[in-house]
Amino acid sequence: MPEQATAESVERRVVLDLDRCIECKSCMASCYYGHGRMAGVQFV
């Protein structure tokens, strides 16, 4: 077993102000890898 990870992890965050949310779903689009399979957003 390797003692440490071989690939570096990339950390990205999307910060949301829920008081200003208008449910445009752009936060889901900006976080494609985390939410790419959600039914609300389709990627062409």
N, C-alpha and C. Protein backbone atom coordinates (compact mmCIF):
# COMPACT_ATOMS: atom_id res chain seq x y z
N MET A 1 0.85 -1.19 0.00
CA MET A 1 0.00 0.00 0.00
C MET A 1 0.89 1.24 0.00
N PRO A 2 0.52 2.23 -0.81
CA PRO A 2 1.31 3.47 -0.80
C PRO A 2 1.11 4.23 0.50
N GLU A 3 2.15 4.91 0.90
CA GLU A 3 2.07 5.67 2.15
C GLU A 3 1.38 7.01 1.98
N GLN A 4 1.39 7.53 0.76
CA GLN A 4 0.72 8.81 0.51
C GLN A 4 0.01 8.74 -0.84
N ALA A 5 -0.89 9.64 -1.05
CA ALA A 5 -1.65 9.66 -2.30
C ALA A 5 -0.73 10.00 -3.46
N THR A 6 -0.99 9.38 -4.61
CA THR A 6 -0.15 9.64 -5.78
C THR A 6 -0.66 10.82 -6.59
N ALA A 7 -1.91 11.13 -6.52
CA ALA A 7 -2.48 12.26 -7.27
C ALA A 7 -2.79 13.39 -6.30
N GLU A 8 -2.50 14.60 -6.75
CA GLU A 8 -2.82 15.76 -5.91
C GLU A 8 -4.30 16.06 -6.00
N SER A 9 -4.90 16.37 -4.88
CA SER A 9 -6.32 16.71 -4.89
C SER A 9 -6.48 18.19 -5.18
N VAL A 10 -7.51 18.51 -5.93
CA VAL A 10 -7.81 19.90 -6.26
C VAL A 10 -9.01 20.30 -5.43
N GLU A 11 -8.87 21.38 -4.71
CA GLU A 11 -9.96 21.83 -3.85
C GLU A 11 -10.55 23.10 -4.44
N ARG A 12 -11.81 23.04 -4.76
CA ARG A 12 -12.53 24.20 -5.29
C ARG A 12 -13.81 24.35 -4.49
N ARG A 13 -14.19 25.57 -4.30
CA ARG A 13 -15.41 25.83 -3.53
C ARG A 13 -16.29 26.83 -4.27
N VAL A 14 -17.57 26.64 -4.15
CA VAL A 14 -18.55 27.58 -4.66
C VAL A 14 -19.24 28.17 -3.44
N VAL A 15 -19.12 29.48 -3.27
CA VAL A 15 -19.70 30.15 -2.11
C VAL A 15 -21.06 30.70 -2.51
N LEU A 16 -22.06 30.39 -1.70
CA LEU A 16 -23.43 30.80 -2.01
C LEU A 16 -23.97 31.72 -0.92
N ASP A 17 -24.67 32.75 -1.34
CA ASP A 17 -25.40 33.61 -0.41
C ASP A 17 -26.87 33.23 -0.56
N LEU A 18 -27.34 32.37 0.30
CA LEU A 18 -28.69 31.82 0.16
C LEU A 18 -29.78 32.87 0.33
N ASP A 19 -29.46 34.00 0.95
CA ASP A 19 -30.45 35.06 1.08
C ASP A 19 -30.71 35.75 -0.26
N ARG A 20 -29.78 35.64 -1.20
CA ARG A 20 -29.93 36.28 -2.51
C ARG A 20 -30.24 35.28 -3.61
N CYS A 21 -30.45 34.03 -3.27
CA CYS A 21 -30.67 32.97 -4.25
C CYS A 21 -32.00 33.18 -4.99
N ILE A 22 -31.94 33.10 -6.33
CA ILE A 22 -33.16 33.21 -7.14
C ILE A 22 -33.41 31.91 -7.90
N GLU A 23 -32.74 30.83 -7.46
CA GLU A 23 -32.89 29.50 -8.03
C GLU A 23 -32.59 29.44 -9.52
N CYS A 24 -31.51 30.13 -9.94
CA CYS A 24 -31.12 30.12 -11.35
C CYS A 24 -30.27 28.90 -11.71
N LYS A 25 -29.80 28.17 -10.71
CA LYS A 25 -29.02 26.94 -10.86
C LYS A 25 -27.63 27.16 -11.45
N SER A 26 -27.14 28.40 -11.46
CA SER A 26 -25.78 28.64 -11.94
C SER A 26 -24.76 28.05 -10.98
N CYS A 27 -25.10 27.89 -9.71
CA CYS A 27 -24.18 27.26 -8.77
C CYS A 27 -23.97 25.79 -9.13
N MET A 28 -25.02 25.12 -9.60
CA MET A 28 -24.89 23.73 -10.03
C MET A 28 -24.04 23.65 -11.29
N ALA A 29 -24.18 24.62 -12.19
CA ALA A 29 -23.38 24.63 -13.41
C ALA A 29 -21.92 24.90 -13.12
N SER A 30 -21.62 25.73 -12.14
CA SER A 30 -20.23 26.04 -11.83
C SER A 30 -19.55 24.90 -11.09
N CYS A 31 -20.31 24.00 -10.54
CA CYS A 31 -19.76 22.86 -9.82
C CYS A 31 -20.08 21.59 -10.59
N TYR A 32 -19.63 21.52 -11.85
CA TYR A 32 -19.99 20.44 -12.76
C TYR A 32 -19.62 19.06 -12.22
N TYR A 33 -18.41 18.91 -11.69
CA TYR A 33 -17.97 17.58 -11.27
C TYR A 33 -18.70 17.10 -10.03
N GLY A 34 -19.16 17.99 -9.21
CA GLY A 34 -19.89 17.57 -8.03
C GLY A 34 -21.36 17.33 -8.28
N HIS A 35 -21.91 18.07 -9.24
CA HIS A 35 -23.36 18.01 -9.47
C HIS A 35 -23.70 17.78 -10.93
N GLY A 36 -22.79 17.26 -11.71
CA GLY A 36 -23.00 17.08 -13.15
C GLY A 36 -24.13 16.15 -13.51
N ARG A 37 -24.50 15.26 -12.62
CA ARG A 37 -25.57 14.29 -12.93
C ARG A 37 -26.91 14.68 -12.34
N MET A 38 -27.01 15.89 -11.83
CA MET A 38 -28.29 16.34 -11.28
C MET A 38 -29.26 16.63 -12.42
N ALA A 39 -30.50 16.35 -12.21
CA ALA A 39 -31.50 16.50 -13.26
C ALA A 39 -31.79 17.96 -13.60
N GLY A 40 -31.48 18.88 -12.72
CA GLY A 40 -31.82 20.28 -12.93
C GLY A 40 -30.97 20.99 -13.97
N VAL A 41 -29.78 20.48 -14.26
CA VAL A 41 -28.87 21.15 -15.19
C VAL A 41 -28.43 20.15 -16.24
N GLN A 42 -28.47 20.57 -17.51
CA GLN A 42 -27.99 19.73 -18.60
C GLN A 42 -26.79 20.41 -19.23
N PHE A 43 -25.74 19.64 -19.47
CA PHE A 43 -24.53 20.16 -20.09
C PHE A 43 -24.47 19.65 -21.51
N VAL A 44 -24.30 20.56 -22.45
CA VAL A 44 -24.27 20.19 -23.87
C VAL A 44 -22.84 20.07 -24.33
